[in-house]
Amino acid sequence: KPEETALYYCAATFGYNSRCAGVSGA
């Protein structure tokens, strides 16, 4: 959609987990 125009960033963190976080600080 046009409103999805943006810079898209990827991110990663170490440490096995069953849930991933929806906050950038993680």
mmCIF file of all heavy atoms, coordinates in Angstrom:
data_MODEL
# 
_entry.id   MODEL 
# 
loop_
_atom_site.group_PDB 
_atom_site.id 
_atom_site.type_symbol 
_atom_site.label_atom_id 
_atom_site.label_alt_id 
_atom_site.label_comp_id 
_atom_site.label_asym_id 
_atom_site.label_entity_id 
_atom_site.label_seq_id 
_atom_site.pdbx_PDB_ins_code 
_atom_site.Cartn_x 
_atom_site.Cartn_y 
_atom_site.Cartn_z 
_atom_site.occupancy 
_atom_site.B_iso_or_equiv 
_atom_site.pdbx_formal_charge 
_atom_site.auth_seq_id 
_atom_site.auth_comp_id 
_atom_site.auth_asym_id 
_atom_site.auth_atom_id 
_atom_site.pdbx_PDB_model_num 
ATOM 1   N N   . LYS A 1 1  ? 0.844  -1.194  0.000  1.00 0.00 ? 1  LYS A N   1 
ATOM 2   C CA  . LYS A 1 1  ? 0.000  0.000   0.000  1.00 0.00 ? 1  LYS A CA  1 
ATOM 3   C C   . LYS A 1 1  ? 0.881  1.247   0.000  1.00 0.00 ? 1  LYS A C   1 
ATOM 4   O O   . LYS A 1 1  ? 1.984  1.235   0.556  1.00 0.00 ? 1  LYS A O   1 
ATOM 5   C CB  . LYS A 1 1  ? -0.882 -0.001  1.243  1.00 0.00 ? 1  LYS A CB  1 
ATOM 6   C CG  . LYS A 1 1  ? -1.718 -1.258  1.413  1.00 0.00 ? 1  LYS A CG  1 
ATOM 7   C CD  . LYS A 1 1  ? -2.454 -1.254  2.740  1.00 0.00 ? 1  LYS A CD  1 
ATOM 8   C CE  . LYS A 1 1  ? -3.236 -2.545  2.936  1.00 0.00 ? 1  LYS A CE  1 
ATOM 9   N NZ  . LYS A 1 1  ? -3.947 -2.560  4.243  1.00 0.00 ? 1  LYS A NZ  1 
ATOM 10  N N   . PRO A 1 2  ? 0.405  2.338   -0.567 1.00 0.00 ? 2  PRO A N   1 
ATOM 11  C CA  . PRO A 1 2  ? 1.220  3.572   -0.595 1.00 0.00 ? 2  PRO A CA  1 
ATOM 12  C C   . PRO A 1 2  ? 1.660  4.027   0.792  1.00 0.00 ? 2  PRO A C   1 
ATOM 13  O O   . PRO A 1 2  ? 2.760  4.555   0.945  1.00 0.00 ? 2  PRO A O   1 
ATOM 14  C CB  . PRO A 1 2  ? 0.272  4.581   -1.246 1.00 0.00 ? 2  PRO A CB  1 
ATOM 15  C CG  . PRO A 1 2  ? -0.617 3.754   -2.110 1.00 0.00 ? 2  PRO A CG  1 
ATOM 16  C CD  . PRO A 1 2  ? -0.836 2.480   -1.345 1.00 0.00 ? 2  PRO A CD  1 
ATOM 17  N N   . GLU A 1 3  ? 0.814  3.816   1.788  1.00 0.00 ? 3  GLU A N   1 
ATOM 18  C CA  . GLU A 1 3  ? 1.167  4.252   3.140  1.00 0.00 ? 3  GLU A CA  1 
ATOM 19  C C   . GLU A 1 3  ? 2.269  3.398   3.765  1.00 0.00 ? 3  GLU A C   1 
ATOM 20  O O   . GLU A 1 3  ? 2.738  3.694   4.867  1.00 0.00 ? 3  GLU A O   1 
ATOM 21  C CB  . GLU A 1 3  ? -0.063 4.251   4.056  1.00 0.00 ? 3  GLU A CB  1 
ATOM 22  C CG  . GLU A 1 3  ? -0.797 2.926   4.136  1.00 0.00 ? 3  GLU A CG  1 
ATOM 23  C CD  . GLU A 1 3  ? -1.946 2.830   3.155  1.00 0.00 ? 3  GLU A CD  1 
ATOM 24  O OE1 . GLU A 1 3  ? -1.837 3.367   2.028  1.00 0.00 ? 3  GLU A OE1 1 
ATOM 25  O OE2 . GLU A 1 3  ? -2.963 2.183   3.525  1.00 0.00 ? 3  GLU A OE2 1 
ATOM 26  N N   . GLU A 1 4  ? 2.701  2.368   3.063  1.00 0.00 ? 4  GLU A N   1 
ATOM 27  C CA  . GLU A 1 4  ? 3.799  1.541   3.551  1.00 0.00 ? 4  GLU A CA  1 
ATOM 28  C C   . GLU A 1 4  ? 5.142  1.972   2.984  1.00 0.00 ? 4  GLU A C   1 
ATOM 29  O O   . GLU A 1 4  ? 6.154  1.295   3.184  1.00 0.00 ? 4  GLU A O   1 
ATOM 30  C CB  . GLU A 1 4  ? 3.507  0.070   3.250  1.00 0.00 ? 4  GLU A CB  1 
ATOM 31  C CG  . GLU A 1 4  ? 2.278  -0.414  4.035  1.00 0.00 ? 4  GLU A CG  1 
ATOM 32  C CD  . GLU A 1 4  ? 1.915  -1.845  3.804  1.00 0.00 ? 4  GLU A CD  1 
ATOM 33  O OE1 . GLU A 1 4  ? 1.824  -2.256  2.618  1.00 0.00 ? 4  GLU A OE1 1 
ATOM 34  O OE2 . GLU A 1 4  ? 1.702  -2.564  4.799  1.00 0.00 ? 4  GLU A OE2 1 
ATOM 35  N N   . THR A 1 5  ? 5.135  3.091   2.306  1.00 0.00 ? 5  THR A N   1 
ATOM 36  C CA  . THR A 1 5  ? 6.386  3.696   1.875  1.00 0.00 ? 5  THR A CA  1 
ATOM 37  C C   . THR A 1 5  ? 7.186  4.085   3.109  1.00 0.00 ? 5  THR A C   1 
ATOM 38  O O   . THR A 1 5  ? 6.693  4.808   3.983  1.00 0.00 ? 5  THR A O   1 
ATOM 39  C CB  . THR A 1 5  ? 6.098  4.941   1.022  1.00 0.00 ? 5  THR A CB  1 
ATOM 40  O OG1 . THR A 1 5  ? 5.503  4.524   -0.209 1.00 0.00 ? 5  THR A OG1 1 
ATOM 41  C CG2 . THR A 1 5  ? 7.381  5.706   0.738  1.00 0.00 ? 5  THR A CG2 1 
ATOM 42  N N   . ALA A 1 6  ? 8.415  3.581   3.182  1.00 0.00 ? 6  ALA A N   1 
ATOM 43  C CA  . ALA A 1 6  ? 9.224  3.816   4.378  1.00 0.00 ? 6  ALA A CA  1 
ATOM 44  C C   . ALA A 1 6  ? 10.617 3.247   4.178  1.00 0.00 ? 6  ALA A C   1 
ATOM 45  O O   . ALA A 1 6  ? 10.880 2.494   3.237  1.00 0.00 ? 6  ALA A O   1 
ATOM 46  C CB  . ALA A 1 6  ? 8.572  3.160   5.593  1.00 0.00 ? 6  ALA A CB  1 
ATOM 47  N N   . LEU A 1 7  ? 11.484 3.595   5.103  1.00 0.00 ? 7  LEU A N   1 
ATOM 48  C CA  . LEU A 1 7  ? 12.765 2.908   5.228  1.00 0.00 ? 7  LEU A CA  1 
ATOM 49  C C   . LEU A 1 7  ? 12.522 1.669   6.072  1.00 0.00 ? 7  LEU A C   1 
ATOM 50  O O   . LEU A 1 7  ? 11.961 1.771   7.172  1.00 0.00 ? 7  LEU A O   1 
ATOM 51  C CB  . LEU A 1 7  ? 13.784 3.797   5.925  1.00 0.00 ? 7  LEU A CB  1 
ATOM 52  C CG  . LEU A 1 7  ? 14.731 4.634   5.063  1.00 0.00 ? 7  LEU A CG  1 
ATOM 53  C CD1 . LEU A 1 7  ? 15.543 5.570   5.924  1.00 0.00 ? 7  LEU A CD1 1 
ATOM 54  C CD2 . LEU A 1 7  ? 15.621 3.753   4.214  1.00 0.00 ? 7  LEU A CD2 1 
ATOM 55  N N   . TYR A 1 8  ? 12.935 0.552   5.559  1.00 0.00 ? 8  TYR A N   1 
ATOM 56  C CA  . TYR A 1 8  ? 12.757 -0.709  6.263  1.00 0.00 ? 8  TYR A CA  1 
ATOM 57  C C   . TYR A 1 8  ? 14.089 -1.156  6.857  1.00 0.00 ? 8  TYR A C   1 
ATOM 58  O O   . TYR A 1 8  ? 15.105 -1.244  6.146  1.00 0.00 ? 8  TYR A O   1 
ATOM 59  C CB  . TYR A 1 8  ? 12.209 -1.774  5.320  1.00 0.00 ? 8  TYR A CB  1 
ATOM 60  C CG  . TYR A 1 8  ? 10.734 -1.609  5.062  1.00 0.00 ? 8  TYR A CG  1 
ATOM 61  C CD1 . TYR A 1 8  ? 10.254 -0.550  4.298  1.00 0.00 ? 8  TYR A CD1 1 
ATOM 62  C CD2 . TYR A 1 8  ? 9.808  -2.505  5.585  1.00 0.00 ? 8  TYR A CD2 1 
ATOM 63  C CE1 . TYR A 1 8  ? 8.890  -0.377  4.082  1.00 0.00 ? 8  TYR A CE1 1 
ATOM 64  C CE2 . TYR A 1 8  ? 8.449  -2.357  5.362  1.00 0.00 ? 8  TYR A CE2 1 
ATOM 65  C CZ  . TYR A 1 8  ? 8.002  -1.290  4.610  1.00 0.00 ? 8  TYR A CZ  1 
ATOM 66  O OH  . TYR A 1 8  ? 6.651  -1.132  4.389  1.00 0.00 ? 8  TYR A OH  1 
ATOM 67  N N   . TYR A 1 9  ? 14.067 -1.433  8.154  1.00 0.00 ? 9  TYR A N   1 
ATOM 68  C CA  . TYR A 1 9  ? 15.263 -1.830  8.875  1.00 0.00 ? 9  TYR A CA  1 
ATOM 69  C C   . TYR A 1 9  ? 15.139 -3.262  9.371  1.00 0.00 ? 9  TYR A C   1 
ATOM 70  O O   . TYR A 1 9  ? 14.063 -3.685  9.814  1.00 0.00 ? 9  TYR A O   1 
ATOM 71  C CB  . TYR A 1 9  ? 15.467 -0.935  10.103 1.00 0.00 ? 9  TYR A CB  1 
ATOM 72  C CG  . TYR A 1 9  ? 15.710 0.518   9.801  1.00 0.00 ? 9  TYR A CG  1 
ATOM 73  C CD1 . TYR A 1 9  ? 14.648 1.409   9.694  1.00 0.00 ? 9  TYR A CD1 1 
ATOM 74  C CD2 . TYR A 1 9  ? 17.001 1.004   9.626  1.00 0.00 ? 9  TYR A CD2 1 
ATOM 75  C CE1 . TYR A 1 9  ? 14.856 2.750   9.428  1.00 0.00 ? 9  TYR A CE1 1 
ATOM 76  C CE2 . TYR A 1 9  ? 17.227 2.347   9.360  1.00 0.00 ? 9  TYR A CE2 1 
ATOM 77  C CZ  . TYR A 1 9  ? 16.151 3.209   9.267  1.00 0.00 ? 9  TYR A CZ  1 
ATOM 78  O OH  . TYR A 1 9  ? 16.373 4.545   9.001  1.00 0.00 ? 9  TYR A OH  1 
ATOM 79  N N   . CYS A 1 10 ? 16.258 -3.972  9.323  1.00 0.00 ? 10 CYS A N   1 
ATOM 80  C CA  . CYS A 1 10 ? 16.277 -5.284  9.948  1.00 0.00 ? 10 CYS A CA  1 
ATOM 81  C C   . CYS A 1 10 ? 17.094 -5.197  11.231 1.00 0.00 ? 10 CYS A C   1 
ATOM 82  O O   . CYS A 1 10 ? 17.960 -4.326  11.374 1.00 0.00 ? 10 CYS A O   1 
ATOM 83  C CB  . CYS A 1 10 ? 16.843 -6.346  9.008  1.00 0.00 ? 10 CYS A CB  1 
ATOM 84  S SG  . CYS A 1 10 ? 18.542 -6.069  8.464  1.00 0.00 ? 10 CYS A SG  1 
ATOM 85  N N   . ALA A 1 11 ? 16.799 -6.090  12.144 1.00 0.00 ? 11 ALA A N   1 
ATOM 86  C CA  . ALA A 1 11 ? 17.457 -6.074  13.439 1.00 0.00 ? 11 ALA A CA  1 
ATOM 87  C C   . ALA A 1 11 ? 17.568 -7.492  13.956 1.00 0.00 ? 11 ALA A C   1 
ATOM 88  O O   . ALA A 1 11 ? 16.806 -8.378  13.550 1.00 0.00 ? 11 ALA A O   1 
ATOM 89  C CB  . ALA A 1 11 ? 16.670 -5.210  14.417 1.00 0.00 ? 11 ALA A CB  1 
ATOM 90  N N   . ALA A 1 12 ? 18.513 -7.692  14.868 1.00 0.00 ? 12 ALA A N   1 
ATOM 91  C CA  . ALA A 1 12 ? 18.716 -9.031  15.406 1.00 0.00 ? 12 ALA A CA  1 
ATOM 92  C C   . ALA A 1 12 ? 19.190 -8.951  16.851 1.00 0.00 ? 12 ALA A C   1 
ATOM 93  O O   . ALA A 1 12 ? 19.758 -7.944  17.286 1.00 0.00 ? 12 ALA A O   1 
ATOM 94  C CB  . ALA A 1 12 ? 19.740 -9.793  14.570 1.00 0.00 ? 12 ALA A CB  1 
ATOM 95  N N   . THR A 1 13 ? 18.927 -10.022 17.554 1.00 0.00 ? 13 THR A N   1 
ATOM 96  C CA  . THR A 1 13 ? 19.438 -10.161 18.905 1.00 0.00 ? 13 THR A CA  1 
ATOM 97  C C   . THR A 1 13 ? 19.809 -11.613 19.137 1.00 0.00 ? 13 THR A C   1 
ATOM 98  O O   . THR A 1 13 ? 19.264 -12.512 18.484 1.00 0.00 ? 13 THR A O   1 
ATOM 99  C CB  . THR A 1 13 ? 18.399 -9.695  19.948 1.00 0.00 ? 13 THR A CB  1 
ATOM 100 O OG1 . THR A 1 13 ? 18.977 -9.711  21.240 1.00 0.00 ? 13 THR A OG1 1 
ATOM 101 C CG2 . THR A 1 13 ? 17.171 -10.595 19.940 1.00 0.00 ? 13 THR A CG2 1 
ATOM 102 N N   . PHE A 1 14 ? 20.747 -11.844 20.019 1.00 0.00 ? 14 PHE A N   1 
ATOM 103 C CA  . PHE A 1 14 ? 21.182 -13.199 20.322 1.00 0.00 ? 14 PHE A CA  1 
ATOM 104 C C   . PHE A 1 14 ? 20.440 -13.730 21.545 1.00 0.00 ? 14 PHE A C   1 
ATOM 105 O O   . PHE A 1 14 ? 19.813 -12.980 22.270 1.00 0.00 ? 14 PHE A O   1 
ATOM 106 C CB  . PHE A 1 14 ? 22.688 -13.229 20.564 1.00 0.00 ? 14 PHE A CB  1 
ATOM 107 C CG  . PHE A 1 14 ? 23.491 -12.824 19.382 1.00 0.00 ? 14 PHE A CG  1 
ATOM 108 C CD1 . PHE A 1 14 ? 24.410 -11.802 19.457 1.00 0.00 ? 14 PHE A CD1 1 
ATOM 109 C CD2 . PHE A 1 14 ? 23.324 -13.473 18.168 1.00 0.00 ? 14 PHE A CD2 1 
ATOM 110 C CE1 . PHE A 1 14 ? 25.158 -11.420 18.349 1.00 0.00 ? 14 PHE A CE1 1 
ATOM 111 C CE2 . PHE A 1 14 ? 24.064 -13.102 17.058 1.00 0.00 ? 14 PHE A CE2 1 
ATOM 112 C CZ  . PHE A 1 14 ? 24.988 -12.074 17.152 1.00 0.00 ? 14 PHE A CZ  1 
ATOM 113 N N   . GLY A 1 15 ? 20.535 -15.026 21.737 1.00 0.00 ? 15 GLY A N   1 
ATOM 114 C CA  . GLY A 1 15 ? 19.845 -15.630 22.876 1.00 0.00 ? 15 GLY A CA  1 
ATOM 115 C C   . GLY A 1 15 ? 18.563 -16.282 22.423 1.00 0.00 ? 15 GLY A C   1 
ATOM 116 O O   . GLY A 1 15 ? 17.636 -15.608 21.980 1.00 0.00 ? 15 GLY A O   1 
ATOM 117 N N   . TYR A 1 16 ? 18.526 -17.587 22.493 1.00 0.00 ? 16 TYR A N   1 
ATOM 118 C CA  . TYR A 1 16 ? 17.354 -18.318 22.051 1.00 0.00 ? 16 TYR A CA  1 
ATOM 119 C C   . TYR A 1 16 ? 16.128 -17.903 22.849 1.00 0.00 ? 16 TYR A C   1 
ATOM 120 O O   . TYR A 1 16 ? 16.202 -17.629 24.042 1.00 0.00 ? 16 TYR A O   1 
ATOM 121 C CB  . TYR A 1 16 ? 17.579 -19.822 22.183 1.00 0.00 ? 16 TYR A CB  1 
ATOM 122 C CG  . TYR A 1 16 ? 18.681 -20.344 21.309 1.00 0.00 ? 16 TYR A CG  1 
ATOM 123 C CD1 . TYR A 1 16 ? 19.771 -21.021 21.851 1.00 0.00 ? 16 TYR A CD1 1 
ATOM 124 C CD2 . TYR A 1 16 ? 18.638 -20.167 19.936 1.00 0.00 ? 16 TYR A CD2 1 
ATOM 125 C CE1 . TYR A 1 16 ? 20.775 -21.504 21.041 1.00 0.00 ? 16 TYR A CE1 1 
ATOM 126 C CE2 . TYR A 1 16 ? 19.652 -20.642 19.117 1.00 0.00 ? 16 TYR A CE2 1 
ATOM 127 C CZ  . TYR A 1 16 ? 20.714 -21.307 19.680 1.00 0.00 ? 16 TYR A CZ  1 
ATOM 128 O OH  . TYR A 1 16 ? 21.714 -21.782 18.885 1.00 0.00 ? 16 TYR A OH  1 
ATOM 129 N N   . ASN A 1 17 ? 15.016 -17.872 22.169 1.00 0.00 ? 17 ASN A N   1 
ATOM 130 C CA  . ASN A 1 17 ? 13.784 -17.425 22.795 1.00 0.00 ? 17 ASN A CA  1 
ATOM 131 C C   . ASN A 1 17 ? 12.600 -17.982 22.016 1.00 0.00 ? 17 ASN A C   1 
ATOM 132 O O   . ASN A 1 17 ? 12.694 -18.223 20.812 1.00 0.00 ? 17 ASN A O   1 
ATOM 133 C CB  . ASN A 1 17 ? 13.711 -15.894 22.797 1.00 0.00 ? 17 ASN A CB  1 
ATOM 134 C CG  . ASN A 1 17 ? 12.874 -15.360 23.939 1.00 0.00 ? 17 ASN A CG  1 
ATOM 135 O OD1 . ASN A 1 17 ? 11.857 -15.941 24.306 1.00 0.00 ? 17 ASN A OD1 1 
ATOM 136 N ND2 . ASN A 1 17 ? 13.294 -14.253 24.519 1.00 0.00 ? 17 ASN A ND2 1 
ATOM 137 N N   . SER A 1 18 ? 11.522 -18.192 22.709 1.00 0.00 ? 18 SER A N   1 
ATOM 138 C CA  . SER A 1 18 ? 10.326 -18.687 22.039 1.00 0.00 ? 18 SER A CA  1 
ATOM 139 C C   . SER A 1 18 ? 9.447  -17.546 21.548 1.00 0.00 ? 18 SER A C   1 
ATOM 140 O O   . SER A 1 18 ? 8.474  -17.776 20.843 1.00 0.00 ? 18 SER A O   1 
ATOM 141 C CB  . SER A 1 18 ? 9.529  -19.582 22.977 1.00 0.00 ? 18 SER A CB  1 
ATOM 142 O OG  . SER A 1 18 ? 9.133  -18.855 24.120 1.00 0.00 ? 18 SER A OG  1 
ATOM 143 N N   . ARG A 1 19 ? 9.788  -16.335 21.948 1.00 0.00 ? 19 ARG A N   1 
ATOM 144 C CA  . ARG A 1 19 ? 9.018  -15.184 21.516 1.00 0.00 ? 19 ARG A CA  1 
ATOM 145 C C   . ARG A 1 19 ? 9.969  -14.093 21.064 1.00 0.00 ? 19 ARG A C   1 
ATOM 146 O O   . ARG A 1 19 ? 11.008 -13.877 21.669 1.00 0.00 ? 19 ARG A O   1 
ATOM 147 C CB  . ARG A 1 19 ? 8.135  -14.659 22.637 1.00 0.00 ? 19 ARG A CB  1 
ATOM 148 C CG  . ARG A 1 19 ? 7.073  -15.624 23.107 1.00 0.00 ? 19 ARG A CG  1 
ATOM 149 C CD  . ARG A 1 19 ? 6.160  -14.967 24.114 1.00 0.00 ? 19 ARG A CD  1 
ATOM 150 N NE  . ARG A 1 19 ? 5.415  -13.858 23.521 1.00 0.00 ? 19 ARG A NE  1 
ATOM 151 C CZ  . ARG A 1 19 ? 4.574  -13.093 24.194 1.00 0.00 ? 19 ARG A CZ  1 
ATOM 152 N NH1 . ARG A 1 19 ? 4.380  -13.290 25.493 1.00 0.00 ? 19 ARG A NH1 1 
ATOM 153 N NH2 . ARG A 1 19 ? 3.930  -12.112 23.608 1.00 0.00 ? 19 ARG A NH2 1 
ATOM 154 N N   . CYS A 1 20 ? 9.593  -13.400 20.002 1.00 0.00 ? 20 CYS A N   1 
ATOM 155 C CA  . CYS A 1 20 ? 10.392 -12.266 19.567 1.00 0.00 ? 20 CYS A CA  1 
ATOM 156 C C   . CYS A 1 20 ? 9.667  -10.976 19.942 1.00 0.00 ? 20 CYS A C   1 
ATOM 157 O O   . CYS A 1 20 ? 8.444  -10.965 20.101 1.00 0.00 ? 20 CYS A O   1 
ATOM 158 C CB  . CYS A 1 20 ? 10.659 -12.325 18.067 1.00 0.00 ? 20 CYS A CB  1 
ATOM 159 S SG  . CYS A 1 20 ? 9.182  -12.437 17.042 1.00 0.00 ? 20 CYS A SG  1 
ATOM 160 N N   . ALA A 1 21 ? 10.439 -9.935  20.071 1.00 0.00 ? 21 ALA A N   1 
ATOM 161 C CA  . ALA A 1 21 ? 9.889  -8.679  20.589 1.00 0.00 ? 21 ALA A CA  1 
ATOM 162 C C   . ALA A 1 21 ? 9.467  -7.743  19.461 1.00 0.00 ? 21 ALA A C   1 
ATOM 163 O O   . ALA A 1 21 ? 10.115 -7.670  18.420 1.00 0.00 ? 21 ALA A O   1 
ATOM 164 C CB  . ALA A 1 21 ? 10.920 -7.990  21.470 1.00 0.00 ? 21 ALA A CB  1 
ATOM 165 N N   . GLY A 1 22 ? 8.408  -7.025  19.723 1.00 0.00 ? 22 GLY A N   1 
ATOM 166 C CA  . GLY A 1 22 ? 7.927  -6.043  18.762 1.00 0.00 ? 22 GLY A CA  1 
ATOM 167 C C   . GLY A 1 22 ? 8.365  -4.635  19.094 1.00 0.00 ? 22 GLY A C   1 
ATOM 168 O O   . GLY A 1 22 ? 7.777  -3.678  18.587 1.00 0.00 ? 22 GLY A O   1 
ATOM 169 N N   . VAL A 1 23 ? 9.379  -4.509  19.909 1.00 0.00 ? 23 VAL A N   1 
ATOM 170 C CA  . VAL A 1 23 ? 9.899  -3.195  20.273 1.00 0.00 ? 23 VAL A CA  1 
ATOM 171 C C   . VAL A 1 23 ? 11.350 -3.095  19.857 1.00 0.00 ? 23 VAL A C   1 
ATOM 172 O O   . VAL A 1 23 ? 12.125 -4.044  20.030 1.00 0.00 ? 23 VAL A O   1 
ATOM 173 C CB  . VAL A 1 23 ? 9.751  -2.921  21.785 1.00 0.00 ? 23 VAL A CB  1 
ATOM 174 C CG1 . VAL A 1 23 ? 8.296  -2.773  22.153 1.00 0.00 ? 23 VAL A CG1 1 
ATOM 175 C CG2 . VAL A 1 23 ? 10.388 -4.028  22.599 1.00 0.00 ? 23 VAL A CG2 1 
ATOM 176 N N   . SER A 1 24 ? 11.736 -1.963  19.348 1.00 0.00 ? 24 SER A N   1 
ATOM 177 C CA  . SER A 1 24 ? 13.073 -1.808  18.797 1.00 0.00 ? 24 SER A CA  1 
ATOM 178 C C   . SER A 1 24 ? 14.165 -1.952  19.852 1.00 0.00 ? 24 SER A C   1 
ATOM 179 O O   . SER A 1 24 ? 15.271 -2.397  19.553 1.00 0.00 ? 24 SER A O   1 
ATOM 180 C CB  . SER A 1 24 ? 13.193 -0.465  18.078 1.00 0.00 ? 24 SER A CB  1 
ATOM 181 O OG  . SER A 1 24 ? 12.905 0.605   18.970 1.00 0.00 ? 24 SER A OG  1 
ATOM 182 N N   . GLY A 1 25 ? 13.857 -1.602  21.093 1.00 0.00 ? 25 GLY A N   1 
ATOM 183 C CA  . GLY A 1 25 ? 14.859 -1.667  22.148 1.00 0.00 ? 25 GLY A CA  1 
ATOM 184 C C   . GLY A 1 25 ? 15.325 -3.068  22.481 1.00 0.00 ? 25 GLY A C   1 
ATOM 185 O O   . GLY A 1 25 ? 16.352 -3.241  23.139 1.00 0.00 ? 25 GLY A O   1 
ATOM 186 N N   . ALA A 1 26 ? 14.601 -4.053  22.026 1.00 0.00 ? 26 ALA A N   1 
ATOM 187 C CA  . ALA A 1 26 ? 14.967 -5.446  22.308 1.00 0.00 ? 26 ALA A CA  1 
ATOM 188 C C   . ALA A 1 26 ? 16.067 -5.953  21.390 1.00 0.00 ? 26 ALA A C   1 
ATOM 189 O O   . ALA A 1 26 ? 16.602 -7.033  21.610 1.00 0.00 ? 26 ALA A O   1 
ATOM 190 C CB  . ALA A 1 26 ? 13.739 -6.335  22.180 1.00 0.00 ? 26 ALA A CB  1 
# 
